[in-house]
PDB file of N, CA and C in Angstrom:
ATOM      1  N   MET A   1     237.218   9.125 223.111  1.00  0.00           N
ATOM      2  CA  MET A   1     235.990   9.856 222.909  1.00  0.00           C
ATOM      3  C   MET A   1     235.722  10.074 221.415  1.00  0.00           C
ATOM      4  N   LYS A   2     236.798  10.455 220.670  1.00  0.00           N
ATOM      5  CA  LYS A   2     236.646  10.671 219.241  1.00  0.00           C
ATOM      6  C   LYS A   2     236.298   9.365 218.528  1.00  0.00           C
ATOM      7  N   ARG A   3     236.881   8.270 218.988  1.00  0.00           N
ATOM      8  CA  ARG A   3     236.606   6.968 218.374  1.00  0.00           C
ATOM      9  C   ARG A   3     235.149   6.567 218.582  1.00  0.00           C
ATOM     10  N   LEU A   4     234.641   6.829 219.763  1.00  0.00           N
ATOM     11  CA  LEU A   4     233.248   6.512 220.051  1.00  0.00           C
ATOM     12  C   LEU A   4     232.311   7.328 219.163  1.00  0.00           C
ATOM     13  N   LEU A   5     232.604   8.605 219.014  1.00  0.00           N
ATOM     14  CA  LEU A   5     231.793   9.468 218.155  1.00  0.00           C
ATOM     15  C   LEU A   5     231.862   8.994 216.699  1.00  0.00           C
ATOM     16  N   LEU A   6     233.044   8.651 216.229  1.00  0.00           N
ATOM     17  CA  LEU A   6     233.217   8.149 214.869  1.00  0.00           C
ATOM     18  C   LEU A   6     232.468   6.834 214.677  1.00  0.00           C
ATOM     19  N   LEU A   7     232.523   5.961 215.667  1.00  0.00           N
ATOM     20  CA  LEU A   7     231.804   4.691 215.603  1.00  0.00           C
ATOM     21  C   LEU A   7     230.291   4.913 215.547  1.00  0.00           C
ATOM     22  N   MET A   8     229.808   5.870 216.323  1.00  0.00           N
ATOM     23  CA  MET A   8     228.378   6.184 216.310  1.00  0.00           C
ATOM     24  C   MET A   8     227.954   6.742 214.949  1.00  0.00           C
ATOM     25  N   ILE A   9     228.762   7.584 214.359  1.00  0.00           N
ATOM     26  CA  ILE A   9     228.447   8.156 213.044  1.00  0.00           C
ATOM     27  C   ILE A   9     228.425   7.058 211.980  1.00  0.00           C
ATOM     28  N   VAL A  10     229.409   6.174 212.015  1.00  0.00           N
ATOM     29  CA  VAL A  10     229.454   5.070 211.051  1.00  0.00           C
ATOM     30  C   VAL A  10     228.234   4.164 211.229  1.00  0.00           C
ATOM     31  N   ALA A  11     227.854   3.890 212.463  1.00  0.00           N
ATOM     32  CA  ALA A  11     226.674   3.045 212.725  1.00  0.00           C
ATOM     33  C   ALA A  11     225.404   3.727 212.217  1.00  0.00           C
ATOM     34  N   LEU A  12     225.285   5.009 212.435  1.00  0.00           N
ATOM     35  CA  LEU A  12     224.115   5.751 211.958  1.00  0.00           C
ATOM     36  C   LEU A  12     224.046   5.756 210.431  1.00  0.00           C
ATOM     37  N   LEU A  13     225.168   5.962 209.781  1.00  0.00           N
ATOM     38  CA  LEU A  13     225.198   5.925 208.321  1.00  0.00           C
ATOM     39  C   LEU A  13     224.868   4.530 207.790  1.00  0.00           C
ATOM     40  N   GLY A  14     225.356   3.505 208.470  1.00  0.00           N
ATOM     41  CA  GLY A  14     225.026   2.128 208.084  1.00  0.00           C
ATOM     42  C   GLY A  14     223.547   1.850 208.211  1.00  0.00           C
ATOM     43  N   TRP A  15     222.976   2.287 209.302  1.00  0.00           N
ATOM     44  CA  TRP A  15     221.523   2.104 209.499  1.00  0.00           C
ATOM     45  C   TRP A  15     220.747   2.859 208.428  1.00  0.00           C
ATOM     46  N   ALA A  16     221.147   4.100 208.124  1.00  0.00           N
ATOM     47  CA  ALA A  16     220.462   4.890 207.100  1.00  0.00           C
ATOM     48  C   ALA A  16     220.556   4.205 205.736  1.00  0.00           C
ATOM     49  N   TRP A  17     221.694   3.582 205.442  1.00  0.00           N
ATOM     50  CA  TRP A  17     221.844   2.879 204.175  1.00  0.00           C
ATOM     51  C   TRP A  17     220.893   1.686 204.108  1.00  0.00           C
ATOM     52  N   LEU A  18     220.793   0.941 205.180  1.00  0.00           N
ATOM     53  CA  LEU A  18     219.894  -0.221 205.207  1.00  0.00           C
ATOM     54  C   LEU A  18     218.430   0.186 205.096  1.00  0.00           C
ATOM     55  N   GLU A  19     218.084   1.328 205.636  1.00  0.00           N
ATOM     56  CA  GLU A  19     216.695   1.808 205.643  1.00  0.00           C
ATOM     57  C   GLU A  19     216.443   2.879 204.589  1.00  0.00           C
ATOM     58  N   ARG A  20     217.289   2.961 203.580  1.00  0.00           N
ATOM     59  CA  ARG A  20     217.198   4.047 202.604  1.00  0.00           C
ATOM     60  C   ARG A  20     215.848   4.096 201.890  1.00  0.00           C
ATOM     61  N   GLN A  21     215.246   2.957 201.571  1.00  0.00           N
ATOM     62  CA  GLN A  21     213.960   2.979 200.881  1.00  0.00           C
ATOM     63  C   GLN A  21     212.859   3.509 201.795  1.00  0.00           C
ATOM     64  N   ALA A  22     212.843   3.073 203.031  1.00  0.00           N
ATOM     65  CA  ALA A  22     211.840   3.558 203.983  1.00  0.00           C
ATOM     66  C   ALA A  22     212.022   5.054 204.241  1.00  0.00           C
ATOM     67  N   LEU A  23     213.251   5.506 204.346  1.00  0.00           N
ATOM     68  CA  LEU A  23     213.508   6.926 204.564  1.00  0.00           C
ATOM     69  C   LEU A  23     213.100   7.758 203.353  1.00  0.00           C
ATOM     70  N   ALA A  24     213.272   7.213 202.159  1.00  0.00           N
ATOM     71  CA  ALA A  24     212.863   7.928 200.948  1.00  0.00           C
ATOM     72  C   ALA A  24     211.347   7.996 200.823  1.00  0.00           C
ATOM     73  N   ASP A  25     210.646   6.968 201.296  1.00  0.00           N
ATOM     74  CA  ASP A  25     209.188   6.931 201.212  1.00  0.00           C
ATOM     75  C   ASP A  25     208.505   7.780 202.275  1.00  0.00           C
ATOM     76  N   PHE A  26     209.175   8.047 203.370  1.00  0.00           N
ATOM     77  CA  PHE A  26     208.549   8.704 204.514  1.00  0.00           C
ATOM     78  C   PHE A  26     207.871  10.037 204.209  1.00  0.00           C
ATOM     79  N   PRO A  27     208.471  10.958 203.446  1.00  0.00           N
ATOM     80  CA  PRO A  27     207.801  12.248 203.213  1.00  0.00           C
ATOM     81  C   PRO A  27     206.405  12.110 202.607  1.00  0.00           C
ATOM     82  N   GLY A  28     206.196  11.149 201.733  1.00  0.00           N
ATOM     83  CA  GLY A  28     204.889  10.957 201.115  1.00  0.00           C
ATOM     84  C   GLY A  28     203.847  10.384 202.050  1.00  0.00           C
ATOM     85  N   ILE A  29     204.283   9.707 203.083  1.00  0.00           N
ATOM     86  CA  ILE A  29     203.353   9.074 204.010  1.00  0.00           C
ATOM     87  C   ILE A  29     202.579  10.123 204.805  1.00  0.00           C
ATOM     88  N   LEU A  30     203.237  11.198 205.216  1.00  0.00           N
ATOM     89  CA  LEU A  30     202.578  12.228 206.025  1.00  0.00           C
ATOM     90  C   LEU A  30     201.398  12.843 205.283  1.00  0.00           C
ATOM     91  N   SER A  31     201.606  13.267 204.046  1.00  0.00           N
ATOM     92  CA  SER A  31     200.516  13.904 203.305  1.00  0.00           C
ATOM     93  C   SER A  31     199.445  12.898 202.904  1.00  0.00           C
ATOM     94  N   ALA A  32     199.839  11.696 202.512  1.00  0.00           N
ATOM     95  CA  ALA A  32     198.866  10.686 202.094  1.00  0.00           C
ATOM     96  C   ALA A  32     197.979  10.260 203.259  1.00  0.00           C
ATOM     97  N   TYR A  33     198.582   9.997 204.404  1.00  0.00           N
ATOM     98  CA  TYR A  33     197.814   9.608 205.587  1.00  0.00           C
ATOM     99  C   TYR A  33     196.833  10.718 205.972  1.00  0.00           C
ATOM    100  N   SER A  34     197.323  11.937 205.986  1.00  0.00           N
ATOM    101  CA  SER A  34     196.483  13.058 206.411  1.00  0.00           C
ATOM    102  C   SER A  34     195.313  13.278 205.463  1.00  0.00           C
ATOM    103  N   ALA A  35     195.559  13.234 204.164  1.00  0.00           N
ATOM    104  CA  ALA A  35     194.483  13.431 203.192  1.00  0.00           C
ATOM    105  C   ALA A  35     193.439  12.335 203.300  1.00  0.00           C
ATOM    106  N   LYS A  36     193.880  11.101 203.357  1.00  0.00           N
ATOM    107  CA  LYS A  36     192.945   9.966 203.399  1.00  0.00           C
ATOM    108  C   LYS A  36     192.153   9.942 204.697  1.00  0.00           C
ATOM    109  N   GLU A  37     192.806  10.114 205.816  1.00  0.00           N
ATOM    110  CA  GLU A  37     192.116  10.055 207.097  1.00  0.00           C
ATOM    111  C   GLU A  37     191.178  11.241 207.300  1.00  0.00           C
ATOM    112  N   TYR A  38     191.593  12.425 206.857  1.00  0.00           N
ATOM    113  CA  TYR A  38     190.719  13.590 206.973  1.00  0.00           C
ATOM    114  C   TYR A  38     189.480  13.400 206.101  1.00  0.00           C
ATOM    115  N   CYS A  39     189.673  12.911 204.903  1.00  0.00           N
ATOM    116  CA  CYS A  39     188.547  12.652 204.001  1.00  0.00           C
ATOM    117  C   CYS A  39     187.577  11.661 204.640  1.00  0.00           C
ATOM    118  N   SER A  40     188.089  10.604 205.195  1.00  0.00           N
ATOM    119  CA  SER A  40     187.233   9.605 205.842  1.00  0.00           C
ATOM    120  C   SER A  40     186.512  10.184 207.053  1.00  0.00           C
ATOM    121  N   CYS A  41     187.220  10.971 207.821  1.00  0.00           N
ATOM    122  CA  CYS A  41     186.633  11.585 209.013  1.00  0.00           C
ATOM    123  C   CYS A  41     185.470  12.497 208.639  1.00  0.00           C
ATOM    124  N   ARG A  42     185.682  13.325 207.613  1.00  0.00           N
ATOM    125  CA  ARG A  42     184.663  14.306 207.215  1.00  0.00           C
ATOM    126  C   ARG A  42     183.516  13.690 206.424  1.00  0.00           C
ATOM    127  N   PHE A  43     183.830  12.931 205.389  1.00  0.00           N
ATOM    128  CA  PHE A  43     182.804  12.539 204.429  1.00  0.00           C
ATOM    129  C   PHE A  43     182.246  11.131 204.646  1.00  0.00           C
ATOM    130  N   VAL A  44     182.973  10.283 205.334  1.00  0.00           N
ATOM    131  CA  VAL A  44     182.449   8.949 205.646  1.00  0.00           C
ATOM    132  C   VAL A  44     181.799   8.954 207.024  1.00  0.00           C
ATOM    133  N   MET A  45     182.527   9.466 208.011  1.00  0.00           N
ATOM    134  CA  MET A  45     182.012   9.457 209.383  1.00  0.00           C
ATOM    135  C   MET A  45     181.131  10.669 209.687  1.00  0.00           C
ATOM    136  N   GLY A  46     181.301  11.756 208.929  1.00  0.00           N
ATOM    137  CA  GLY A  46     180.449  12.924 209.083  1.00  0.00           C
ATOM    138  C   GLY A  46     180.786  13.839 210.250  1.00  0.00           C
ATOM    139  N   PHE A  47     182.020  13.789 210.742  1.00  0.00           N
ATOM    140  CA  PHE A  47     182.421  14.658 211.839  1.00  0.00           C
ATOM    141  C   PHE A  47     182.693  16.069 211.332  1.00  0.00           C
ATOM    142  N   ASP A  48     182.709  17.043 212.250  1.00  0.00           N
ATOM    143  CA  ASP A  48     182.935  18.426 211.837  1.00  0.00           C
ATOM    144  C   ASP A  48     184.412  18.691 211.550  1.00  0.00           C
ATOM    145  N   GLU A  49     184.643  19.807 210.868  1.00  0.00           N
ATOM    146  CA  GLU A  49     185.985  20.151 210.401  1.00  0.00           C
ATOM    147  C   GLU A  49     187.008  20.257 211.528  1.00  0.00           C
ATOM    148  N   GLY A  50     186.647  20.916 212.603  1.00  0.00           N
ATOM    149  CA  GLY A  50     187.579  21.091 213.722  1.00  0.00           C
ATOM    150  C   GLY A  50     188.010  19.772 214.330  1.00  0.00           C
ATOM    151  N   TYR A  51     187.066  18.875 214.506  1.00  0.00           N
ATOM    152  CA  TYR A  51     187.395  17.554 215.065  1.00  0.00           C
ATOM    153  C   TYR A  51     188.354  16.811 214.139  1.00  0.00           C
ATOM    154  N   CYS A  52     188.069  16.821 212.836  1.00  0.00           N
ATOM    155  CA  CYS A  52     188.884  16.069 211.879  1.00  0.00           C
ATOM    156  C   CYS A  52     190.286  16.653 211.737  1.00  0.00           C
ATOM    157  N   ARG A  53     190.407  17.976 211.840  1.00  0.00           N
ATOM    158  CA  ARG A  53     191.747  18.579 211.813  1.00  0.00           C
ATOM    159  C   ARG A  53     192.570  18.107 213.015  1.00  0.00           C
ATOM    160  N   GLY A  54     191.943  18.033 214.166  1.00  0.00           N
ATOM    161  CA  GLY A  54     192.632  17.530 215.345  1.00  0.00           C
ATOM    162  C   GLY A  54     192.954  16.049 215.229  1.00  0.00           C
ATOM    163  N   TYR A  55     192.075  15.309 214.589  1.00  0.00           N
ATOM    164  CA  TYR A  55     192.251  13.857 214.421  1.00  0.00           C
ATOM    165  C   TYR A  55     193.484  13.529 213.585  1.00  0.00           C
ATOM    166  N   VAL A  56     193.729  14.309 212.523  1.00  0.00           N
ATOM    167  CA  VAL A  56     194.862  14.003 211.643  1.00  0.00           C
ATOM    168  C   VAL A  56     196.132  14.767 212.016  1.00  0.00           C
ATOM    169  N   LYS A  57     196.078  15.584 213.049  1.00  0.00           N
ATOM    170  CA  LYS A  57     197.253  16.367 213.437  1.00  0.00           C
ATOM    171  C   LYS A  57     198.393  15.435 213.838  1.00  0.00           C
ATOM    172  N   GLN A  58     199.556  15.714 213.308  1.00  0.00           N
ATOM    173  CA  GLN A  58     200.749  14.914 213.553  1.00  0.00           C
ATOM    174  C   GLN A  58     201.807  15.762 214.258  1.00  0.00           C
ATOM    175  N   TRP A  59     202.822  15.097 214.745  1.00  0.00           N
ATOM    176  CA  TRP A  59     203.947  15.799 215.360  1.00  0.00           C
ATOM    177  C   TRP A  59     204.634  16.679 214.322  1.00  0.00           C
ATOM    178  N   LEU A  60     204.763  16.178 213.092  1.00  0.00           N
ATOM    179  CA  LEU A  60     205.303  16.979 211.998  1.00  0.00           C
ATOM    180  C   LEU A  60     204.145  17.752 211.374  1.00  0.00           C
ATOM    181  N   PRO A  61     204.243  19.061 211.297  1.00  0.00           N
ATOM    182  CA  PRO A  61     203.105  19.854 210.812  1.00  0.00           C
ATOM    183  C   PRO A  61     202.924  19.759 209.298  1.00  0.00           C
ATOM    184  N   LEU A  62     201.681  19.876 208.869  1.00  0.00           N
ATOM    185  CA  LEU A  62     201.357  19.964 207.454  1.00  0.00           C
ATOM    186  C   LEU A  62     201.493  21.414 207.014  1.00  0.00           C
ATOM    187  N   THR A  63     201.882  21.616 205.766  1.00  0.00           N
ATOM    188  CA  THR A  63     201.919  22.974 205.236  1.00  0.00           C
ATOM    189  C   THR A  63     200.575  23.347 204.623  1.00  0.00           C
ATOM    190  N   LEU A  64     199.738  22.327 204.320  1.00  0.00           N
ATOM    191  CA  LEU A  64     198.433  22.573 203.718  1.00  0.00           C
ATOM    192  C   LEU A  64     197.484  21.437 204.076  1.00  0.00           C
ATOM    193  N   LEU A  65     196.282  21.802 204.473  1.00  0.00           N
ATOM    194  CA  LEU A  65     195.192  20.841 204.648  1.00  0.00           C
ATOM    195  C   LEU A  65     193.937  21.562 204.204  1.00  0.00           C
ATOM    196  N   GLU A  66     193.490  21.241 202.997  1.00  0.00           N
ATOM    197  CA  GLU A  66     192.410  21.963 202.353  1.00  0.00           C
ATOM    198  C   GLU A  66     191.275  21.010 202.004  1.00  0.00           C
ATOM    199  N   GLU A  67     190.060  21.469 202.214  1.00  0.00           N
ATOM    200  CA  GLU A  67     188.881  20.658 201.940  1.00  0.00           C
ATOM    201  C   GLU A  67     188.026  21.330 200.875  1.00  0.00           C
ATOM    202  N   ASN A  68     187.576  20.549 199.901  1.00  0.00           N
ATOM    203  CA  ASN A  68     186.609  21.021 198.920  1.00  0.00           C
ATOM    204  C   ASN A  68     185.324  20.246 199.202  1.00  0.00           C
ATOM    205  N   SER A  69     184.418  20.868 199.955  1.00  0.00           N
ATOM    206  CA  SER A  69     183.204  20.189 200.405  1.00  0.00           C
ATOM    207  C   SER A  69     182.289  19.803 199.255  1.00  0.00           C
ATOM    208  N   GLN A  70     182.211  20.629 198.224  1.00  0.00           N
ATOM    209  CA  GLN A  70     181.313  20.342 197.107  1.00  0.00           C
ATOM    210  C   GLN A  70     181.760  19.110 196.329  1.00  0.00           C
ATOM    211  N   GLN A  71     183.054  18.972 196.114  1.00  0.00           N
ATOM    212  CA  GLN A  71     183.572  17.805 195.391  1.00  0.00           C
ATOM    213  C   GLN A  71     183.962  16.668 196.331  1.00  0.00           C
ATOM    214  N   ARG A  72     183.895  16.920 197.622  1.00  0.00           N
ATOM    215  CA  ARG A  72     184.289  15.959 198.644  1.00  0.00           C
ATOM    216  C   ARG A  72     185.713  15.464 198.423  1.00  0.00           C
ATOM    217  N   GLN A  73     186.609  16.435 198.290  1.00  0.00           N
ATOM    218  CA  GLN A  73     188.024  16.150 198.109  1.00  0.00           C
ATOM    219  C   GLN A  73     188.840  16.860 199.173  1.00  0.00           C
ATOM    220  N   VAL A  74     189.967  16.276 199.503  1.00  0.00           N
ATOM    221  CA  VAL A  74     190.883  16.838 200.496  1.00  0.00           C
ATOM    222  C   VAL A  74     192.280  16.855 199.890  1.00  0.00           C
ATOM    223  N   THR A  75     192.996  17.949 200.099  1.00  0.00           N
ATOM    224  CA  THR A  75     194.384  18.068 199.676  1.00  0.00           C
ATOM    225  C   THR A  75     195.226  18.325 200.913  1.00  0.00           C
ATOM    226  N   ALA A  76     196.292  17.557 201.051  1.00  0.00           N
ATOM    227  CA  ALA A  76     197.215  17.735 202.174  1.00  0.00           C
ATOM    228  C   ALA A  76     198.635  17.799 201.627  1.00  0.00           C
ATOM    229  N   ALA A  77     199.456  18.651 202.229  1.00  0.00           N
ATOM    230  CA  ALA A  77     200.852  18.775 201.825  1.00  0.00           C
ATOM    231  C   ALA A  77     201.722  18.872 203.066  1.00  0.00           C
ATOM    232  N   GLY A  78     202.859  18.227 202.993  1.00  0.00           N
ATOM    233  CA  GLY A  78     203.826  18.264 204.083  1.00  0.00           C
ATOM    234  C   GLY A  78     205.112  17.600 203.659  1.00  0.00           C
ATOM    235  N   LEU A  79     206.226  18.077 204.159  1.00  0.00           N
ATOM    236  CA  LEU A  79     207.558  17.563 203.834  1.00  0.00           C
ATOM    237  C   LEU A  79     207.811  17.548 202.330  1.00  0.00           C
ATOM    238  N   GLY A  80     207.252  18.542 201.629  1.00  0.00           N
ATOM    239  CA  GLY A  80     207.492  18.667 200.200  1.00  0.00           C
ATOM    240  C   GLY A  80     206.639  17.762 199.323  1.00  0.00           C
ATOM    241  N   GLN A  81     205.725  17.027 199.897  1.00  0.00           N
ATOM    242  CA  GLN A  81     204.854  16.129 199.132  1.00  0.00           C
ATOM    243  C   GLN A  81     203.410  16.584 199.249  1.00  0.00           C
ATOM    244  N   ARG A  82     202.630  16.359 198.196  1.00  0.00           N
ATOM    245  CA  ARG A  82     201.229  16.748 198.167  1.00  0.00           C
ATOM    246  C   ARG A  82     200.391  15.528 197.802  1.00  0.00           C
ATOM    247  N   SER A  83     199.294  15.293 198.520  1.00  0.00           N
ATOM    248  CA  SER A  83     198.408  14.169 198.251  1.00  0.00           C
ATOM    249  C   SER A  83     196.970  14.640 198.260  1.00  0.00           C
ATOM    250  N   GLN A  84     196.141  13.960 197.473  1.00  0.00           N
ATOM    251  CA  GLN A  84     194.716  14.261 197.426  1.00  0.00           C
ATOM    252  C   GLN A  84     193.935  12.978 197.658  1.00  0.00           C
ATOM    253  N   ALA A  85     192.830  13.111 198.353  1.00  0.00           N
ATOM    254  CA  ALA A  85     191.913  11.997 198.567  1.00  0.00           C
ATOM    255  C   ALA A  85     190.514  12.491 198.240  1.00  0.00           C
ATOM    256  N   ALA A  86     189.680  11.582 197.743  1.00  0.00           N
ATOM    257  CA  ALA A  86     188.317  11.943 197.380  1.00  0.00           C
ATOM    258  C   ALA A  86     187.354  10.863 197.844  1.00  0.00           C
ATOM    259  N   TRP A  87     186.162  11.300 198.207  1.00  0.00           N
ATOM    260  CA  TRP A  87     185.093  10.395 198.602  1.00  0.00           C
ATOM    261  C   TRP A  87     184.582   9.694 197.351  1.00  0.00           C
ATOM    262  N   GLN A  88     184.496   8.369 197.400  1.00  0.00           N
ATOM    263  CA  GLN A  88     184.090   7.580 196.250  1.00  0.00           C
ATOM    264  C   GLN A  88     182.621   7.162 196.300  1.00  0.00           C
ATOM    265  N   GLY A  89     182.066   7.119 197.500  1.00  0.00           N
ATOM    266  CA  GLY A  89     180.682   6.703 197.657  1.00  0.00           C
ATOM    267  C   GLY A  89     180.480   6.087 199.026  1.00  0.00           C
ATOM    268  N   ALA A  90     179.235   5.797 199.331  1.00  0.00           N
ATOM    269  CA  ALA A  90     178.893   5.283 200.666  1.00  0.00           C
ATOM    270  C   ALA A  90     179.557   3.925 200.949  1.00  0.00           C
ATOM    271  N   ARG A  91     179.652   3.080 199.957  1.00  0.00           N
ATOM    272  CA  ARG A  91     180.258   1.753 200.165  1.00  0.00           C
ATOM    273  C   ARG A  91     181.774   1.763 200.046  1.00  0.00           C
ATOM    274  N   GLU A  92     182.307   2.662 199.237  1.00  0.00           N
ATOM    275  CA  GLU A  92     183.748   2.680 198.982  1.00  0.00           C
ATOM    276  C   GLU A  92     184.521   3.586 199.940  1.00  0.00           C
ATOM    277  N   GLY A  93     183.891   4.613 200.449  1.00  0.00           N
ATOM    278  CA  GLY A  93     184.581   5.554 201.321  1.00  0.00           C
ATOM    279  C   GLY A  93     185.503   6.463 200.544  1.00  0.00           C
ATOM    280  N   CYS A  94     186.653   6.787 201.108  1.00  0.00           N
ATOM    281  CA  CYS A  94     187.622   7.681 200.474  1.00  0.00           C
ATOM    282  C   CYS A  94     188.810   6.886 199.968  1.00  0.00           C
ATOM    283  N   ARG A  95     189.448   7.427 198.923  1.00  0.00           N
ATOM    284  CA  ARG A  95     190.687   6.828 198.439  1.00  0.00           C
ATOM    285  C   ARG A  95     191.619   7.920 197.961  1.00  0.00           C
ATOM    286  N   LEU A  96     192.895   7.604 197.936  1.00  0.00           N
ATOM    287  CA  LEU A  96     193.888   8.545 197.444  1.00  0.00           C
ATOM    288  C   LEU A  96     193.775   8.659 195.930  1.00  0.00           C
ATOM    289  N   LEU A  97     193.940   9.864 195.423  1.00  0.00           N
ATOM    290  CA  LEU A  97     193.922  10.096 193.990  1.00  0.00           C
ATOM    291  C   LEU A  97     195.333   9.995 193.448  1.00  0.00           C
ATOM    292  N   PRO A  98     195.460   9.506 192.209  1.00  0.00           N
ATOM    293  CA  PRO A  98     196.818   9.378 191.625  1.00  0.00           C
ATOM    294  C   PRO A  98     197.448  10.728 191.350  1.00  0.00           C
TER     295      PRO A  98
END
């Protein structure tokens, strides 16, 4: 039983090592996806705030989802990362800000 548990731990650590770059990138994906999709939902498609909040809701919760309607910008934060997206125009839609 102990050998099986040890083997499972070693396999999990091996998998984590192979996927280390993807695991390191993951926290930024939640906030970036949420900011960009919420911005597109609100300012490109023109849906209301409640609908767009439900649209970008993920299994992992965001700590912040803020909209600046006058500047057409969205800020989202989750898993320690913060991302902003802004509406660029009718043809360009929304994009993530650096």
